Amino acid sequence: MKLIKFFVFALLMITVACSDEKSEEPAQSNNTQSLVIYEQDTSKVRKGYFVEVAETRATMAKGLMGRNHLDADSGFIFNVDLIPSDMEIAMWMKNTLIPLDMIFIDKNGKIYYIYENAEPLSTKAIMAPSRPRAVLEVNGGQVKEFGIQIGDTIKTPILGNM
């Protein structure tokens, strides 16, 4: 049953991303929020970002597709609460032109899974071991560059902890 739900979600993502119809929603989110990553169990800041927030299924499906640049202090956060709770969450890089690090965040703002340097244009499904509350995408290599680790805390308005 989980596999069926995953494929239904994947089909939804493909359908929205590949649709030729003009959408009333913008290709990218107009909602930008601040986001701060703190070292595990400390108040020391690892990195701050200004992130676009996926506020609709259409902006979730589009993500960073088609972009050839992402500023060093920018990112994109997926509000997974937009997807029904009984559906699996999978990320991919289809039509995404730049390598990305994907940071999976639990309901408490803790990082619990990281996928580094996702390959541009790949259709490989990238999944965390359990459903995230949110997924943050940043430029590939930044997890390593800033020492971002599992157990670090993310604070941002979308998580209600900032």
N, C-alpha and C. Protein backbone atom coordinates (compact mmCIF):
# COMPACT_ATOMS: atom_id res chain seq x y z
N MET A 1 0.82 -1.20 0.00
CA MET A 1 0.00 0.00 0.00
C MET A 1 0.87 1.26 0.00
N LYS A 2 1.98 1.27 0.79
CA LYS A 2 2.85 2.42 0.82
C LYS A 2 3.45 2.68 -0.56
N LEU A 3 3.80 1.61 -1.25
CA LEU A 3 4.37 1.75 -2.58
C LEU A 3 3.37 2.39 -3.54
N ILE A 4 2.12 2.01 -3.43
CA ILE A 4 1.08 2.60 -4.28
C ILE A 4 0.94 4.09 -3.98
N LYS A 5 0.92 4.45 -2.70
CA LYS A 5 0.81 5.86 -2.32
C LYS A 5 2.00 6.66 -2.82
N PHE A 6 3.19 6.05 -2.76
CA PHE A 6 4.40 6.72 -3.26
C PHE A 6 4.25 7.00 -4.75
N PHE A 7 3.80 6.01 -5.51
CA PHE A 7 3.67 6.18 -6.95
C PHE A 7 2.57 7.18 -7.30
N VAL A 8 1.51 7.24 -6.52
CA VAL A 8 0.46 8.23 -6.74
C VAL A 8 1.05 9.63 -6.52
N PHE A 9 1.83 9.79 -5.45
CA PHE A 9 2.46 11.08 -5.18
C PHE A 9 3.43 11.44 -6.30
N ALA A 10 4.24 10.48 -6.73
CA ALA A 10 5.20 10.72 -7.81
C ALA A 10 4.46 11.13 -9.08
N LEU A 11 3.36 10.48 -9.38
CA LEU A 11 2.58 10.83 -10.55
C LEU A 11 2.02 12.24 -10.43
N LEU A 12 1.56 12.61 -9.24
CA LEU A 12 1.08 13.97 -9.01
C LEU A 12 2.19 14.97 -9.27
N MET A 13 3.39 14.69 -8.76
CA MET A 13 4.52 15.58 -8.95
C MET A 13 4.86 15.71 -10.43
N ILE A 14 4.88 14.60 -11.15
CA ILE A 14 5.19 14.62 -12.57
C ILE A 14 4.13 15.40 -13.33
N THR A 15 2.87 15.15 -13.03
CA THR A 15 1.77 15.80 -13.72
C THR A 15 1.83 17.31 -13.55
N VAL A 16 2.04 17.77 -12.33
CA VAL A 16 2.09 19.21 -12.08
C VAL A 16 3.32 19.81 -12.72
N ALA A 17 4.47 19.16 -12.59
CA ALA A 17 5.72 19.70 -13.11
C ALA A 17 5.75 19.74 -14.63
N CYS A 18 5.10 18.81 -15.28
CA CYS A 18 5.18 18.70 -16.73
C CYS A 18 3.97 19.28 -17.44
N SER A 19 3.04 19.84 -16.72
CA SER A 19 1.82 20.35 -17.33
C SER A 19 2.12 21.49 -18.29
N ASP A 20 1.46 21.48 -19.44
CA ASP A 20 1.61 22.55 -20.41
C ASP A 20 0.63 23.69 -20.16
N GLU A 21 -0.33 23.45 -19.28
CA GLU A 21 -1.33 24.47 -19.00
C GLU A 21 -0.71 25.61 -18.23
N LYS A 22 -1.21 26.81 -18.50
CA LYS A 22 -0.75 27.97 -17.75
C LYS A 22 -1.39 27.95 -16.39
N SER A 23 -0.58 28.13 -15.35
CA SER A 23 -1.09 28.14 -13.99
C SER A 23 -1.28 29.57 -13.54
N GLU A 24 -2.24 29.79 -12.67
CA GLU A 24 -2.41 31.11 -12.09
C GLU A 24 -1.37 31.37 -11.02
N GLU A 25 -0.70 30.32 -10.57
CA GLU A 25 0.31 30.46 -9.54
C GLU A 25 1.66 30.76 -10.16
N PRO A 26 2.50 31.54 -9.50
CA PRO A 26 3.82 31.85 -10.05
C PRO A 26 4.70 30.60 -10.08
N ALA A 27 5.69 30.62 -10.97
CA ALA A 27 6.62 29.50 -11.09
C ALA A 27 7.47 29.37 -9.85
N GLN A 28 7.69 30.47 -9.15
CA GLN A 28 8.43 30.39 -7.91
C GLN A 28 7.65 31.09 -6.82
N SER A 29 7.95 30.72 -5.60
CA SER A 29 7.23 31.28 -4.47
C SER A 29 7.61 32.74 -4.26
N ASN A 30 6.63 33.55 -3.94
CA ASN A 30 6.90 34.95 -3.59
C ASN A 30 7.14 35.10 -2.10
N ASN A 31 6.91 34.04 -1.34
CA ASN A 31 7.09 34.08 0.10
C ASN A 31 8.52 33.68 0.44
N THR A 32 9.27 34.61 0.96
CA THR A 32 10.64 34.34 1.39
C THR A 32 10.71 34.55 2.89
N GLN A 33 11.31 33.59 3.58
CA GLN A 33 11.44 33.67 5.03
C GLN A 33 12.90 33.48 5.42
N SER A 34 13.24 33.97 6.59
CA SER A 34 14.57 33.71 7.12
C SER A 34 14.58 32.33 7.76
N LEU A 35 15.75 31.73 7.75
CA LEU A 35 15.93 30.39 8.31
C LEU A 35 17.34 30.36 8.90
N VAL A 36 17.47 29.81 10.09
CA VAL A 36 18.77 29.72 10.75
C VAL A 36 19.02 28.28 11.17
N ILE A 37 20.23 27.81 10.90
CA ILE A 37 20.64 26.47 11.33
C ILE A 37 21.61 26.64 12.50
N TYR A 38 21.27 26.00 13.63
CA TYR A 38 22.07 26.07 14.84
C TYR A 38 22.77 24.74 15.08
N GLU A 39 23.99 24.82 15.63
CA GLU A 39 24.69 23.60 16.03
C GLU A 39 23.86 22.83 17.04
N GLN A 40 23.99 21.53 16.99
CA GLN A 40 23.25 20.66 17.90
C GLN A 40 23.47 21.07 19.36
N ASP A 41 22.39 21.24 20.09
CA ASP A 41 22.39 21.53 21.53
C ASP A 41 23.16 22.79 21.92
N THR A 42 23.30 23.74 20.97
CA THR A 42 23.94 25.01 21.30
C THR A 42 23.17 26.15 20.65
N SER A 43 23.57 27.37 20.95
CA SER A 43 22.96 28.52 20.28
C SER A 43 23.89 29.10 19.22
N LYS A 44 24.95 28.35 18.87
CA LYS A 44 25.90 28.81 17.86
C LYS A 44 25.30 28.60 16.46
N VAL A 45 25.30 29.67 15.67
CA VAL A 45 24.74 29.63 14.33
C VAL A 45 25.74 28.99 13.37
N ARG A 46 25.26 27.99 12.62
CA ARG A 46 26.07 27.40 11.55
C ARG A 46 25.91 28.20 10.27
N LYS A 47 24.65 28.54 9.93
CA LYS A 47 24.38 29.23 8.67
C LYS A 47 22.99 29.83 8.70
N GLY A 48 22.84 31.00 8.12
CA GLY A 48 21.54 31.63 7.95
C GLY A 48 21.19 31.70 6.47
N TYR A 49 19.93 31.59 6.17
CA TYR A 49 19.45 31.63 4.79
C TYR A 49 18.20 32.47 4.68
N PHE A 50 17.92 32.93 3.45
CA PHE A 50 16.63 33.46 3.07
C PHE A 50 16.08 32.43 2.10
N VAL A 51 14.98 31.79 2.48
CA VAL A 51 14.46 30.68 1.69
C VAL A 51 13.10 30.98 1.10
N GLU A 52 12.90 30.51 -0.12
CA GLU A 52 11.57 30.53 -0.71
C GLU A 52 10.78 29.40 -0.08
N VAL A 53 9.52 29.64 0.16
CA VAL A 53 8.67 28.65 0.80
C VAL A 53 7.66 28.12 -0.21
N ALA A 54 7.62 26.81 -0.37
CA ALA A 54 6.60 26.19 -1.20
C ALA A 54 5.29 26.22 -0.43
N GLU A 55 4.37 27.05 -0.88
CA GLU A 55 3.10 27.25 -0.18
C GLU A 55 1.94 26.53 -0.83
N THR A 56 2.16 25.98 -2.01
CA THR A 56 1.11 25.25 -2.73
C THR A 56 1.72 23.98 -3.31
N ARG A 57 0.86 23.07 -3.72
CA ARG A 57 1.37 21.86 -4.37
C ARG A 57 2.10 22.20 -5.66
N ALA A 58 1.63 23.22 -6.36
CA ALA A 58 2.29 23.62 -7.62
C ALA A 58 3.71 24.13 -7.36
N THR A 59 3.89 24.95 -6.33
CA THR A 59 5.25 25.43 -6.04
C THR A 59 6.10 24.30 -5.48
N MET A 60 5.49 23.34 -4.79
CA MET A 60 6.24 22.16 -4.34
C MET A 60 6.72 21.35 -5.53
N ALA A 61 5.83 21.14 -6.49
CA ALA A 61 6.18 20.33 -7.65
C ALA A 61 7.26 21.00 -8.49
N LYS A 62 7.22 22.30 -8.60
CA LYS A 62 8.20 23.06 -9.39
C LYS A 62 9.54 23.18 -8.66
N GLY A 63 9.50 23.46 -7.38
CA GLY A 63 10.74 23.59 -6.61
C GLY A 63 11.75 24.49 -7.30
N LEU A 64 12.96 24.00 -7.45
CA LEU A 64 14.04 24.77 -8.08
C LEU A 64 14.28 24.34 -9.53
N MET A 65 13.30 23.66 -10.12
CA MET A 65 13.44 23.22 -11.52
C MET A 65 13.70 24.41 -12.44
N GLY A 66 14.58 24.19 -13.40
CA GLY A 66 14.85 25.19 -14.42
C GLY A 66 15.78 26.31 -14.00
N ARG A 67 16.15 26.37 -12.77
CA ARG A 67 17.05 27.44 -12.31
C ARG A 67 18.50 27.05 -12.59
N ASN A 68 19.28 28.01 -13.04
CA ASN A 68 20.70 27.72 -13.28
C ASN A 68 21.60 28.36 -12.23
N HIS A 69 20.97 28.96 -11.20
CA HIS A 69 21.75 29.61 -10.14
C HIS A 69 20.90 29.70 -8.87
N LEU A 70 21.57 29.56 -7.74
CA LEU A 70 20.96 29.77 -6.44
C LEU A 70 21.97 30.54 -5.60
N ASP A 71 21.61 31.72 -5.15
CA ASP A 71 22.53 32.53 -4.35
C ASP A 71 23.02 31.74 -3.13
N ALA A 72 24.21 32.06 -2.67
CA ALA A 72 24.86 31.33 -1.56
C ALA A 72 24.02 31.38 -0.28
N ASP A 73 23.29 32.45 -0.05
CA ASP A 73 22.49 32.58 1.17
C ASP A 73 21.02 32.29 0.93
N SER A 74 20.72 31.60 -0.18
CA SER A 74 19.34 31.29 -0.53
C SER A 74 19.09 29.79 -0.48
N GLY A 75 17.83 29.45 -0.38
CA GLY A 75 17.43 28.06 -0.40
C GLY A 75 15.95 27.97 -0.71
N PHE A 76 15.43 26.76 -0.62
CA PHE A 76 14.03 26.49 -0.91
C PHE A 76 13.56 25.49 0.12
N ILE A 77 12.44 25.78 0.78
CA ILE A 77 11.93 24.86 1.80
C ILE A 77 10.53 24.37 1.39
N PHE A 78 10.37 23.07 1.50
CA PHE A 78 9.11 22.42 1.16
C PHE A 78 8.31 22.20 2.44
N ASN A 79 7.11 22.74 2.47
CA ASN A 79 6.20 22.55 3.59
C ASN A 79 5.45 21.24 3.35
N VAL A 80 5.94 20.17 3.92
CA VAL A 80 5.41 18.84 3.66
C VAL A 80 3.98 18.68 4.18
N ASP A 81 3.54 19.56 5.06
CA ASP A 81 2.16 19.49 5.55
C ASP A 81 1.14 19.68 4.43
N LEU A 82 1.58 20.14 3.25
CA LEU A 82 0.67 20.30 2.11
C LEU A 82 0.29 18.96 1.48
N ILE A 83 1.04 17.92 1.81
CA ILE A 83 0.80 16.59 1.25
C ILE A 83 0.07 15.75 2.30
N PRO A 84 -0.95 14.99 1.91
CA PRO A 84 -1.66 14.16 2.89
C PRO A 84 -0.71 13.31 3.72
N SER A 85 -1.02 13.18 5.00
CA SER A 85 -0.11 12.52 5.94
C SER A 85 0.09 11.03 5.67
N ASP A 86 -0.80 10.41 4.90
CA ASP A 86 -0.63 8.99 4.61
C ASP A 86 0.22 8.74 3.36
N MET A 87 0.76 9.79 2.77
CA MET A 87 1.56 9.64 1.56
C MET A 87 3.05 9.76 1.88
N GLU A 88 3.86 8.95 1.20
CA GLU A 88 5.30 9.01 1.35
C GLU A 88 5.83 10.29 0.67
N ILE A 89 6.95 10.77 1.13
CA ILE A 89 7.57 11.95 0.55
C ILE A 89 8.86 11.53 -0.14
N ALA A 90 8.97 11.89 -1.41
CA ALA A 90 10.18 11.60 -2.19
C ALA A 90 10.57 12.86 -2.95
N MET A 91 11.85 13.14 -2.98
CA MET A 91 12.38 14.28 -3.72
C MET A 91 13.07 13.73 -4.96
N TRP A 92 13.26 14.58 -5.96
CA TRP A 92 14.05 14.21 -7.12
C TRP A 92 14.62 15.47 -7.75
N MET A 93 15.46 15.27 -8.76
CA MET A 93 16.17 16.38 -9.39
C MET A 93 15.76 16.60 -10.85
N LYS A 94 14.65 16.00 -11.26
CA LYS A 94 14.20 16.15 -12.64
C LYS A 94 14.10 17.64 -12.99
N ASN A 95 14.69 18.01 -14.12
CA ASN A 95 14.68 19.39 -14.62
C ASN A 95 15.35 20.39 -13.68
N THR A 96 16.10 19.90 -12.71
CA THR A 96 16.86 20.76 -11.80
C THR A 96 18.29 20.80 -12.30
N LEU A 97 18.79 22.00 -12.58
CA LEU A 97 20.05 22.17 -13.29
C LEU A 97 21.27 22.32 -12.40
N ILE A 98 21.06 22.52 -11.11
CA ILE A 98 22.19 22.74 -10.19
C ILE A 98 22.20 21.65 -9.12
N PRO A 99 23.39 21.23 -8.67
CA PRO A 99 23.44 20.24 -7.58
C PRO A 99 22.91 20.86 -6.29
N LEU A 100 22.21 20.03 -5.52
CA LEU A 100 21.61 20.51 -4.27
C LEU A 100 21.92 19.57 -3.13
N ASP A 101 22.03 20.13 -1.93
CA ASP A 101 22.02 19.36 -0.70
C ASP A 101 20.58 19.42 -0.18
N MET A 102 20.04 18.26 0.21
CA MET A 102 18.68 18.19 0.75
C MET A 102 18.74 17.85 2.22
N ILE A 103 18.10 18.67 3.02
CA ILE A 103 18.14 18.54 4.47
C ILE A 103 16.72 18.24 4.95
N PHE A 104 16.55 17.08 5.56
CA PHE A 104 15.23 16.63 6.01
C PHE A 104 15.06 16.98 7.49
N ILE A 105 13.94 17.61 7.80
CA ILE A 105 13.71 18.21 9.11
C ILE A 105 12.48 17.59 9.76
N ASP A 106 12.58 17.26 11.05
CA ASP A 106 11.43 16.69 11.75
C ASP A 106 10.53 17.80 12.30
N LYS A 107 9.45 17.41 12.97
CA LYS A 107 8.46 18.37 13.46
C LYS A 107 9.01 19.31 14.54
N ASN A 108 10.14 18.93 15.16
CA ASN A 108 10.75 19.77 16.19
C ASN A 108 11.85 20.68 15.64
N GLY A 109 12.06 20.63 14.33
CA GLY A 109 13.09 21.46 13.71
C GLY A 109 14.47 20.81 13.69
N LYS A 110 14.55 19.56 14.10
CA LYS A 110 15.84 18.84 14.10
C LYS A 110 16.11 18.23 12.73
N ILE A 111 17.36 18.33 12.30
CA ILE A 111 17.79 17.66 11.08
C ILE A 111 17.98 16.19 11.41
N TYR A 112 17.33 15.31 10.65
CA TYR A 112 17.48 13.88 10.93
C TYR A 112 17.98 13.07 9.73
N TYR A 113 18.07 13.72 8.57
CA TYR A 113 18.60 13.03 7.39
C TYR A 113 19.12 14.08 6.42
N ILE A 114 20.25 13.78 5.78
CA ILE A 114 20.86 14.70 4.82
C ILE A 114 21.24 13.91 3.58
N TYR A 115 20.93 14.47 2.42
CA TYR A 115 21.36 13.90 1.15
C TYR A 115 22.18 14.98 0.45
N GLU A 116 23.47 14.71 0.28
CA GLU A 116 24.38 15.72 -0.26
C GLU A 116 24.57 15.57 -1.77
N ASN A 117 24.76 16.72 -2.41
CA ASN A 117 25.10 16.81 -3.84
C ASN A 117 24.21 15.95 -4.73
N ALA A 118 22.92 16.16 -4.62
CA ALA A 118 21.98 15.46 -5.50
C ALA A 118 22.33 15.82 -6.95
N GLU A 119 22.32 14.81 -7.78
CA GLU A 119 22.76 14.96 -9.17
C GLU A 119 21.72 15.69 -10.01
N PRO A 120 22.14 16.78 -10.67
CA PRO A 120 21.20 17.51 -11.54
C PRO A 120 20.58 16.58 -12.59
N LEU A 121 19.30 16.83 -12.86
CA LEU A 121 18.51 16.15 -13.89
C LEU A 121 18.17 14.69 -13.58
N SER A 122 18.57 14.18 -12.44
CA SER A 122 18.31 12.79 -12.08
C SER A 122 16.84 12.59 -11.69
N THR A 123 16.30 11.44 -12.05
CA THR A 123 14.94 11.10 -11.63
C THR A 123 14.95 10.09 -10.48
N LYS A 124 16.11 9.88 -9.89
CA LYS A 124 16.24 8.98 -8.74
C LYS A 124 15.41 9.55 -7.57
N ALA A 125 14.63 8.69 -6.93
CA ALA A 125 13.85 9.11 -5.76
C ALA A 125 14.77 9.22 -4.55
N ILE A 126 14.69 10.34 -3.87
CA ILE A 126 15.49 10.59 -2.67
C ILE A 126 14.51 10.65 -1.50
N MET A 127 14.66 9.69 -0.59
CA MET A 127 13.72 9.58 0.52
C MET A 127 14.46 9.46 1.84
N ALA A 128 13.92 10.09 2.85
CA ALA A 128 14.44 9.94 4.21
C ALA A 128 13.82 8.67 4.80
N PRO A 129 14.39 8.15 5.90
CA PRO A 129 13.85 6.93 6.50
C PRO A 129 12.44 7.10 7.09
N SER A 130 12.01 8.32 7.35
CA SER A 130 10.65 8.58 7.83
C SER A 130 10.18 9.91 7.25
N ARG A 131 8.88 10.14 7.35
CA ARG A 131 8.29 11.35 6.77
C ARG A 131 8.82 12.60 7.46
N PRO A 132 9.30 13.57 6.68
CA PRO A 132 9.78 14.82 7.27
C PRO A 132 8.64 15.79 7.53
N ARG A 133 8.90 16.80 8.32
CA ARG A 133 7.98 17.93 8.46
C ARG A 133 8.25 18.95 7.35
N ALA A 134 9.53 19.04 6.96
CA ALA A 134 9.93 19.96 5.90
C ALA A 134 11.24 19.45 5.29
N VAL A 135 11.50 19.91 4.07
CA VAL A 135 12.76 19.58 3.39
C VAL A 135 13.35 20.90 2.90
N LEU A 136 14.61 21.12 3.26
CA LEU A 136 15.33 22.32 2.85
C LEU A 136 16.32 21.96 1.76
N GLU A 137 16.30 22.70 0.66
CA GLU A 137 17.29 22.53 -0.41
C GLU A 137 18.20 23.75 -0.44
N VAL A 138 19.51 23.48 -0.45
CA VAL A 138 20.52 24.52 -0.55
C VAL A 138 21.54 24.09 -1.61
N ASN A 139 22.42 25.00 -1.98
CA ASN A 139 23.43 24.67 -2.97
C ASN A 139 24.23 23.44 -2.57
N GLY A 140 24.50 22.59 -3.54
CA GLY A 140 25.30 21.40 -3.29
C GLY A 140 26.66 21.78 -2.72
N GLY A 141 27.09 21.07 -1.70
CA GLY A 141 28.37 21.31 -1.05
C GLY A 141 28.29 22.17 0.19
N GLN A 142 27.15 22.83 0.42
CA GLN A 142 27.05 23.71 1.59
C GLN A 142 26.95 22.93 2.90
N VAL A 143 26.37 21.74 2.87
CA VAL A 143 26.33 20.94 4.10
C VAL A 143 27.74 20.71 4.60
N LYS A 144 28.60 20.32 3.71
CA LYS A 144 30.01 20.08 4.08
C LYS A 144 30.71 21.39 4.43
N GLU A 145 30.52 22.41 3.60
CA GLU A 145 31.19 23.70 3.80
C GLU A 145 30.89 24.31 5.17
N PHE A 146 29.64 24.22 5.63
CA PHE A 146 29.26 24.84 6.89
C PHE A 146 29.15 23.86 8.05
N GLY A 147 29.51 22.60 7.81
CA GLY A 147 29.50 21.61 8.88
C GLY A 147 28.11 21.26 9.37
N ILE A 148 27.11 21.39 8.52
CA ILE A 148 25.73 21.08 8.91
C ILE A 148 25.62 19.58 9.15
N GLN A 149 25.00 19.21 10.28
CA GLN A 149 24.98 17.80 10.70
C GLN A 149 23.61 17.36 11.17
N ILE A 150 23.41 16.06 11.14
CA ILE A 150 22.23 15.48 11.75
C ILE A 150 22.24 15.86 13.23
N GLY A 151 21.09 16.28 13.74
CA GLY A 151 20.99 16.72 15.13
C GLY A 151 20.99 18.24 15.27
N ASP A 152 21.47 18.96 14.24
CA ASP A 152 21.40 20.42 14.26
C ASP A 152 19.93 20.84 14.23
N THR A 153 19.66 22.06 14.66
CA THR A 153 18.30 22.58 14.72
C THR A 153 18.09 23.67 13.70
N ILE A 154 16.95 23.62 13.04
CA ILE A 154 16.56 24.66 12.09
C ILE A 154 15.41 25.44 12.68
N LYS A 155 15.53 26.77 12.64
CA LYS A 155 14.46 27.64 13.11
C LYS A 155 14.03 28.53 11.95
N THR A 156 12.72 28.53 11.72
CA THR A 156 12.12 29.31 10.65
C THR A 156 10.62 29.43 10.91
N PRO A 157 10.00 30.49 10.43
CA PRO A 157 8.56 30.65 10.66
C PRO A 157 7.70 29.48 10.19
N ILE A 158 8.06 28.84 9.10
CA ILE A 158 7.24 27.74 8.60
C ILE A 158 7.13 26.61 9.63
N LEU A 159 8.14 26.45 10.47
CA LEU A 159 8.12 25.42 11.50
C LEU A 159 7.50 25.92 12.80
N GLY A 160 7.21 27.23 12.84
CA GLY A 160 6.59 27.81 14.02
C GLY A 160 7.53 27.91 15.22
N ASN A 161 8.85 27.92 14.97
CA ASN A 161 9.80 27.97 16.09
C ASN A 161 10.71 29.19 16.01
N MET A 162 10.31 30.20 15.23
CA MET A 162 11.11 31.42 15.13
C MET A 162 10.24 32.63 15.38
